Amino acid sequence: MTKIAIIGSEGSGRTSLAAKLGKKGTAADITMYDYAKNDVVMTTIDANGYPKSVKPLVTALQLSDIAMLCIPPEGPDAFAGECIMALDLMQYKHGIVVLTKADTSYPYAQEELQKNLQKILSPTTLANWEFVNLSTQSFEGLDEIKEKIFELDKQVNSEYEELNDKPVRITVDQSFNVTGIGCVVLGIVEQGTVDAKDKLTAYPADKPLEVRSIQMHDEDVKSAPAGARVGLALKGVQSKDIERGFIISEKEEVAESLVLECTLSSFASPLKISDVPHIFTGLQSSPMRIEKIEIDGKEAEQVNASQQCTLHLDGSHEIAYRQQDRFIITNLDAKQRFTGYGFVKE
């Protein structure tokens, strides 16, 4: 199954492109567009709640494996820059840069735009992403985009195959009750293979559960591999017990307070003691107060752009995580809201 995030600033053409790639489905702070024909199953996610909030952008990227960054002829604005920063901090591997509204510009101008973007992207994880020009009226370039998506999807599937034998871990993005069935969750199998009758736990609430049945693409299956988008009917829990961002697995670490080894981006505003950045991991997020900052083993009052540090953070609710999980640090009051990344200190 192909999972794509379409991102960019308002007016970048991202929503028009998403509508061309599937039928509109679930809509909230993100909107999903579904396509299924023959052996091709594709979900495209438009982070329509961005740039008002960074959360839809993070959600769309965490639920997908391929990103399409939409840039209009006017070039990247501050929000496009923020999207690039988010992708880089998340070390997002696979994607395409779509130069939208190409029919409203000139070929030479589009070439210059691509050259300028390549310079901007060269020090980031997007350095080797390919570019495609897309017409607003005729949508010329759409077939090329689809071809590149399917090429990237082969790489993604190969990576997921290596994760099938790991302990199962599912990230939940929706939870609801179905009459006659009970609690149903929708989510992504991050790793491992989930089987009907598996006994697992929902974290951070520490709720034991049993997988009653599994659906993929509205069809019942006995198991689902890494990378699959699944619907799970669960036994032993109610929908009110499980929220977006919960992790279903055999074991997770759970904590309200964290100590993170962090690296700030080169465009980050300083972080100071008592600041309250928002911390994201997977689909979970929490405002966390900075209680202490350490740089090179010594306490400091603040940490600046491009610096490495240890942040001692105190939150108000529990977060589930594993040692290898990447945490994204955001400052919602800053012009460039994506501040840095970190890992739990061993």
Protein backbone atom coordinates (compact mmCIF):
# COMPACT_ATOMS: atom_id res chain seq x y z
CA MET A 1 0.00 0.00 0.00
CA THR A 2 1.30 3.43 -0.98
CA LYS A 3 1.00 6.21 1.63
CA ILE A 4 1.76 9.76 0.48
CA ALA A 5 1.81 13.12 2.26
CA ILE A 6 1.21 16.24 0.16
CA ILE A 7 2.65 19.29 1.88
CA GLY A 8 3.44 22.92 1.18
CA SER A 9 2.20 26.39 1.97
CA GLU A 10 -1.34 27.64 1.38
CA GLY A 11 -1.95 28.29 -2.30
CA SER A 12 0.82 25.89 -3.32
CA GLY A 13 -1.59 23.67 -5.27
CA ARG A 14 -1.27 20.76 -2.86
CA THR A 15 -5.02 20.23 -2.34
CA SER A 16 -5.78 20.25 -6.08
CA LEU A 17 -3.07 17.64 -6.60
CA ALA A 18 -4.37 15.48 -3.74
CA ALA A 19 -7.86 15.51 -5.26
CA LYS A 20 -6.41 14.16 -8.53
CA LEU A 21 -4.83 11.20 -6.75
CA GLY A 22 -7.89 9.73 -5.04
CA LYS A 23 -11.42 10.01 -3.72
CA LYS A 24 -11.87 12.33 -0.75
CA GLY A 25 -12.43 10.45 2.49
CA THR A 26 -11.85 11.30 6.14
CA ALA A 27 -11.44 15.06 6.66
CA ALA A 28 -10.34 16.87 9.82
CA ASP A 29 -6.99 18.58 10.39
CA ILE A 30 -5.75 16.22 7.68
CA THR A 31 -7.75 15.02 4.67
CA MET A 32 -7.30 11.56 3.18
CA TYR A 33 -7.83 10.70 -0.48
CA ASP A 34 -8.12 7.00 -1.31
CA TYR A 35 -7.47 5.19 -4.58
CA ALA A 36 -7.84 1.46 -5.24
CA LYS A 37 -7.73 -0.18 -8.65
CA ASN A 38 -6.46 -3.64 -9.54
CA ASP A 39 -3.36 -4.15 -7.38
CA VAL A 40 -2.79 -0.45 -6.74
CA VAL A 41 -3.93 0.85 -3.34
CA MET A 42 -2.92 4.41 -2.49
CA THR A 43 -3.76 6.84 0.31
CA THR A 44 -2.83 10.49 -0.13
CA ILE A 45 -2.84 12.76 2.93
CA ASP A 46 -3.26 16.53 2.64
CA ALA A 47 -2.12 18.39 5.75
CA ASN A 48 -4.92 20.93 5.30
CA GLY A 49 -4.69 22.19 8.90
CA TYR A 50 -1.18 23.48 8.17
CA PRO A 51 0.23 26.19 8.34
CA LYS A 52 -2.20 27.32 11.05
CA SER A 53 -0.89 24.45 13.19
CA VAL A 54 2.24 22.30 12.83
CA LYS A 55 0.48 19.20 14.18
CA PRO A 56 -1.31 18.30 10.89
CA LEU A 57 2.02 18.52 9.06
CA VAL A 58 3.70 16.17 11.53
CA THR A 59 0.69 13.83 11.44
CA ALA A 60 0.63 13.64 7.63
CA LEU A 61 4.35 12.89 7.48
CA GLN A 62 4.22 10.28 10.24
CA LEU A 63 1.34 8.45 8.53
CA SER A 64 3.09 8.33 5.15
CA ASP A 65 6.24 6.95 3.54
CA ILE A 66 6.52 9.31 0.56
CA ALA A 67 6.20 13.10 0.64
CA MET A 68 5.40 15.50 -2.17
CA LEU A 69 6.58 19.04 -1.47
CA CYS A 70 4.57 21.51 -3.57
CA ILE A 71 6.28 24.74 -4.63
CA PRO A 72 4.48 27.32 -6.87
CA PRO A 73 6.27 29.56 -9.44
CA GLU A 74 6.68 32.33 -6.84
CA GLY A 75 9.18 30.08 -5.08
CA PRO A 76 9.37 28.86 -1.49
CA ASP A 77 7.90 31.08 1.23
CA ALA A 78 8.50 30.81 4.99
CA PHE A 79 6.04 27.93 5.33
CA ALA A 80 7.64 25.96 2.50
CA GLY A 81 10.92 26.51 4.33
CA GLU A 82 9.30 25.18 7.49
CA CYS A 83 8.16 22.07 5.59
CA ILE A 84 11.73 21.51 4.39
CA MET A 85 12.99 21.90 7.96
CA ALA A 86 10.42 19.39 9.25
CA LEU A 87 11.41 16.83 6.60
CA ASP A 88 15.08 17.29 7.39
CA LEU A 89 14.67 17.02 11.17
CA MET A 90 12.61 13.86 10.69
CA GLN A 91 15.25 12.49 8.26
CA TYR A 92 12.45 11.80 5.80
CA LYS A 93 13.86 9.53 3.08
CA HIS A 94 11.52 9.39 0.11
CA GLY A 95 9.88 12.20 -1.81
CA ILE A 96 9.34 14.38 -4.86
CA VAL A 97 9.45 18.15 -5.27
CA VAL A 98 6.43 19.17 -7.36
CA LEU A 99 6.72 22.52 -9.13
CA THR A 100 3.02 23.36 -9.29
CA LYS A 101 1.21 25.79 -11.60
CA ALA A 102 3.99 25.36 -14.16
CA ASP A 103 1.64 26.46 -16.95
CA THR A 104 1.42 29.93 -15.36
CA SER A 105 5.18 30.41 -15.65
CA TYR A 106 7.89 30.21 -18.35
CA PRO A 107 10.21 27.23 -18.96
CA TYR A 108 13.31 29.33 -18.22
CA ALA A 109 11.78 30.59 -14.96
CA GLN A 110 10.94 27.02 -13.94
CA GLU A 111 14.52 25.94 -14.65
CA GLU A 112 15.86 28.79 -12.50
CA LEU A 113 13.41 27.90 -9.71
CA GLN A 114 14.61 24.29 -9.76
CA LYS A 115 18.27 25.38 -9.63
CA ASN A 116 17.59 27.68 -6.68
CA LEU A 117 15.69 24.94 -4.85
CA GLN A 118 18.49 22.44 -5.45
CA LYS A 119 20.89 24.84 -3.71
CA ILE A 120 18.51 25.21 -0.77
CA LEU A 121 17.96 21.45 -0.50
CA SER A 122 21.57 20.35 -1.01
CA PRO A 123 22.49 20.24 2.72
CA THR A 124 19.23 18.48 3.68
CA THR A 125 17.76 15.00 3.46
CA LEU A 126 15.90 16.22 0.32
CA ALA A 127 19.14 16.70 -1.64
CA ASN A 128 18.49 13.85 -4.10
CA TRP A 129 14.74 14.23 -4.51
CA GLU A 130 13.56 14.52 -8.11
CA PHE A 131 11.59 17.46 -9.52
CA VAL A 132 8.40 17.33 -11.61
CA ASN A 133 6.59 20.25 -13.28
CA LEU A 134 2.80 20.10 -12.93
CA SER A 135 0.24 22.08 -14.92
CA THR A 136 -2.71 23.66 -13.10
CA GLN A 137 -5.18 23.40 -15.99
CA SER A 138 -4.34 20.18 -17.82
CA PHE A 139 -2.43 18.51 -14.97
CA GLU A 140 0.31 17.64 -17.41
CA GLY A 141 3.00 15.99 -15.34
CA LEU A 142 0.55 13.93 -13.25
CA ASP A 143 1.45 10.67 -15.01
CA GLU A 144 5.14 11.34 -14.37
CA ILE A 145 4.38 11.96 -10.69
CA LYS A 146 2.51 8.64 -10.46
CA GLU A 147 5.42 6.79 -12.11
CA LYS A 148 7.88 8.27 -9.62
CA ILE A 149 5.56 7.42 -6.71
CA PHE A 150 5.43 3.77 -7.76
CA GLU A 151 9.23 3.68 -8.18
CA LEU A 152 9.68 5.05 -4.66
CA ASP A 153 7.05 2.67 -3.31
CA LYS A 154 9.15 -0.31 -4.42
CA GLN A 155 12.00 0.99 -2.25
CA VAL A 156 9.62 1.56 0.66
CA ASN A 157 8.17 -1.96 0.40
CA SER A 158 11.66 -3.45 0.35
CA GLU A 159 12.50 -1.56 3.56
CA TYR A 160 9.30 -2.74 5.25
CA GLU A 161 9.99 -6.38 4.35
CA GLU A 162 13.06 -6.22 6.57
CA LEU A 163 10.83 -5.18 9.50
CA ASN A 164 8.28 -8.01 9.31
CA ASP A 165 10.10 -10.22 11.82
CA LYS A 166 10.47 -7.51 14.47
CA PRO A 167 8.08 -7.24 17.46
CA VAL A 168 4.78 -5.78 16.28
CA ARG A 169 4.20 -2.06 16.79
CA ILE A 170 1.10 -0.20 15.55
CA THR A 171 0.53 3.56 15.62
CA VAL A 172 -3.15 4.49 16.05
CA ASP A 173 -4.62 7.49 14.22
CA GLN A 174 -8.36 6.89 14.76
CA SER A 175 -10.49 5.09 17.35
CA PHE A 176 -14.27 4.60 17.39
CA ASN A 177 -17.07 2.18 18.33
CA VAL A 178 -18.92 0.09 15.74
CA THR A 179 -22.30 -1.36 16.70
CA GLY A 180 -22.07 -5.12 17.07
CA ILE A 181 -18.27 -5.10 16.90
CA GLY A 182 -17.08 -2.75 19.61
CA CYS A 183 -13.83 -0.81 19.60
CA VAL A 184 -12.19 -0.35 16.20
CA VAL A 185 -8.92 1.47 15.58
CA LEU A 186 -7.28 2.55 12.34
CA GLY A 187 -3.53 2.79 12.16
CA ILE A 188 -0.21 1.87 10.58
CA VAL A 189 1.83 -1.25 11.31
CA GLU A 190 5.23 0.36 11.90
CA GLN A 191 7.04 -2.95 12.27
CA GLY A 192 6.34 -6.63 12.77
CA THR A 193 3.28 -8.60 11.65
CA VAL A 194 -0.02 -8.32 13.50
CA ASP A 195 -2.20 -11.44 13.67
CA ALA A 196 -5.81 -11.97 14.68
CA LYS A 197 -5.96 -13.16 18.31
CA ASP A 198 -2.70 -11.38 19.21
CA LYS A 199 -2.67 -10.22 22.83
CA LEU A 200 -1.09 -6.77 23.02
CA THR A 201 -1.26 -3.56 25.07
CA ALA A 202 -2.26 0.03 24.23
CA TYR A 203 0.28 2.57 25.46
CA PRO A 204 0.68 4.94 27.24
CA ALA A 205 -2.62 3.96 28.95
CA ASP A 206 -1.29 0.42 29.61
CA LYS A 207 -4.59 -1.17 28.50
CA PRO A 208 -4.34 -4.93 27.71
CA LEU A 209 -6.29 -5.97 24.61
CA GLU A 210 -6.82 -8.71 22.08
CA VAL A 211 -6.99 -8.27 18.31
CA ARG A 212 -10.40 -9.67 17.44
CA SER A 213 -10.12 -9.22 13.66
CA ILE A 214 -8.13 -7.32 11.02
CA GLN A 215 -9.11 -5.48 7.85
CA MET A 216 -6.94 -4.12 5.05
CA HIS A 217 -8.62 -2.08 2.28
CA ASP A 218 -12.05 -3.08 3.70
CA GLU A 219 -11.27 -6.79 3.35
CA ASP A 220 -10.88 -9.24 6.25
CA VAL A 221 -7.38 -10.70 6.62
CA LYS A 222 -5.76 -12.99 9.18
CA SER A 223 -2.57 -10.93 9.45
CA ALA A 224 -1.05 -7.64 8.28
CA PRO A 225 2.64 -6.93 7.62
CA ALA A 226 4.84 -3.94 8.37
CA GLY A 227 3.76 -0.87 6.40
CA ALA A 228 0.09 -1.86 6.16
CA ARG A 229 -2.72 0.53 6.99
CA VAL A 230 -5.12 -1.55 9.07
CA GLY A 231 -8.45 -1.53 10.80
CA LEU A 232 -8.37 -3.58 13.99
CA ALA A 233 -11.41 -4.73 15.94
CA LEU A 234 -10.24 -4.93 19.54
CA LYS A 235 -11.43 -6.93 22.51
CA GLY A 236 -10.99 -5.79 26.12
CA VAL A 237 -10.95 -2.02 25.52
CA GLN A 238 -13.34 0.76 24.56
CA SER A 239 -12.72 3.50 22.01
CA LYS A 240 -12.58 6.10 24.80
CA ASP A 241 -9.54 4.24 26.17
CA ILE A 242 -7.50 4.82 23.00
CA GLU A 243 -6.54 8.12 21.36
CA ARG A 244 -4.72 9.20 18.22
CA GLY A 245 -1.02 8.62 18.78
CA PHE A 246 -1.41 5.59 21.05
CA ILE A 247 0.90 2.67 20.32
CA ILE A 248 -0.29 -0.94 20.34
CA SER A 249 2.57 -3.33 21.02
CA GLU A 250 3.97 -5.84 23.49
CA LYS A 251 6.05 -3.29 25.42
CA GLU A 252 6.77 0.47 25.41
CA GLU A 253 8.50 2.82 27.79
CA VAL A 254 6.11 5.37 29.32
CA ALA A 255 7.06 8.66 30.99
CA GLU A 256 5.85 12.21 31.67
CA SER A 257 9.39 13.59 32.01
CA LEU A 258 12.21 13.04 29.50
CA VAL A 259 15.92 13.69 29.19
CA LEU A 260 16.77 14.19 25.52
CA GLU A 261 20.13 14.45 23.76
CA CYS A 262 19.23 17.18 21.25
CA THR A 263 20.54 19.00 18.21
CA LEU A 264 19.02 22.37 17.30
CA SER A 265 18.55 23.36 13.67
CA SER A 266 20.64 26.11 12.11
CA PHE A 267 17.54 28.36 11.99
CA ALA A 268 16.24 27.69 15.51
CA SER A 269 15.38 30.39 18.00
CA PRO A 270 17.19 29.95 21.34
CA LEU A 271 15.65 27.66 23.95
CA LYS A 272 15.87 28.80 27.57
CA ILE A 273 15.17 27.31 30.97
CA SER A 274 11.41 27.46 31.74
CA ASP A 275 10.51 27.59 28.02
CA VAL A 276 7.70 25.18 27.09
CA PRO A 277 8.36 23.68 23.64
CA HIS A 278 5.98 21.13 22.13
CA ILE A 279 7.60 17.72 21.74
CA PHE A 280 6.44 15.28 19.04
CA THR A 281 7.18 11.60 18.63
CA GLY A 282 5.12 9.57 16.18
CA LEU A 283 1.58 10.97 16.46
CA GLN A 284 2.01 11.90 20.12
CA SER A 285 2.72 15.42 21.28
CA SER A 286 3.05 17.18 24.60
CA PRO A 287 4.04 20.63 25.88
CA MET A 288 7.07 20.09 28.12
CA ARG A 289 8.82 22.60 30.36
CA ILE A 290 12.61 22.85 30.16
CA GLU A 291 13.87 22.28 33.70
CA LYS A 292 17.59 22.10 32.92
CA ILE A 293 19.94 22.57 29.95
CA GLU A 294 23.37 20.98 29.71
CA ILE A 295 25.98 21.76 27.05
CA ASP A 296 29.18 19.68 27.06
CA GLY A 297 28.28 18.44 30.53
CA LYS A 298 27.87 21.92 32.03
CA GLU A 299 24.62 23.62 32.98
CA ALA A 300 23.55 26.50 30.73
CA GLU A 301 20.79 29.11 30.71
CA GLN A 302 19.99 28.67 27.02
CA VAL A 303 20.91 26.73 23.89
CA ASN A 304 21.28 28.38 20.48
CA ALA A 305 20.89 27.41 16.83
CA SER A 306 23.10 24.52 15.62
CA GLN A 307 24.17 23.60 19.17
CA GLN A 308 23.95 20.17 20.76
CA CYS A 309 22.66 19.87 24.30
CA THR A 310 20.88 17.75 26.88
CA LEU A 311 17.36 18.93 27.72
CA HIS A 312 15.66 17.90 30.96
CA LEU A 313 11.93 18.14 30.22
CA ASP A 314 8.87 17.90 32.45
CA GLY A 315 5.46 17.25 30.87
CA SER A 316 1.86 17.04 32.01
CA HIS A 317 0.85 13.71 30.48
CA GLU A 318 2.47 10.40 29.62
CA ILE A 319 4.20 9.60 26.34
CA ALA A 320 4.95 6.09 25.06
CA TYR A 321 8.29 5.56 23.33
CA ARG A 322 11.22 3.28 22.61
CA GLN A 323 14.89 4.12 22.98
CA GLN A 324 15.44 4.54 19.23
CA ASP A 325 12.47 6.89 18.69
CA ARG A 326 13.22 10.34 17.29
CA PHE A 327 11.65 13.30 19.09
CA ILE A 328 10.93 16.53 17.21
CA ILE A 329 11.16 19.79 19.16
CA THR A 330 8.94 22.70 18.16
CA ASN A 331 8.57 26.26 19.42
CA LEU A 332 5.05 27.36 18.55
CA ASP A 333 5.85 31.03 19.27
CA ALA A 334 8.82 31.22 16.89
CA LYS A 335 8.65 32.26 13.24
CA GLN A 336 10.34 28.99 12.26
CA ARG A 337 8.55 26.55 14.54
CA PHE A 338 10.61 23.40 13.96
CA THR A 339 13.49 23.80 16.37
CA GLY A 340 15.43 20.54 16.55
CA TYR A 341 15.39 16.83 17.24
CA GLY A 342 16.55 14.50 19.98
CA PHE A 343 16.72 10.98 21.37
CA VAL A 344 16.14 9.76 24.91
CA LYS A 345 19.41 9.77 26.84
CA GLU A 346 20.63 6.28 27.61
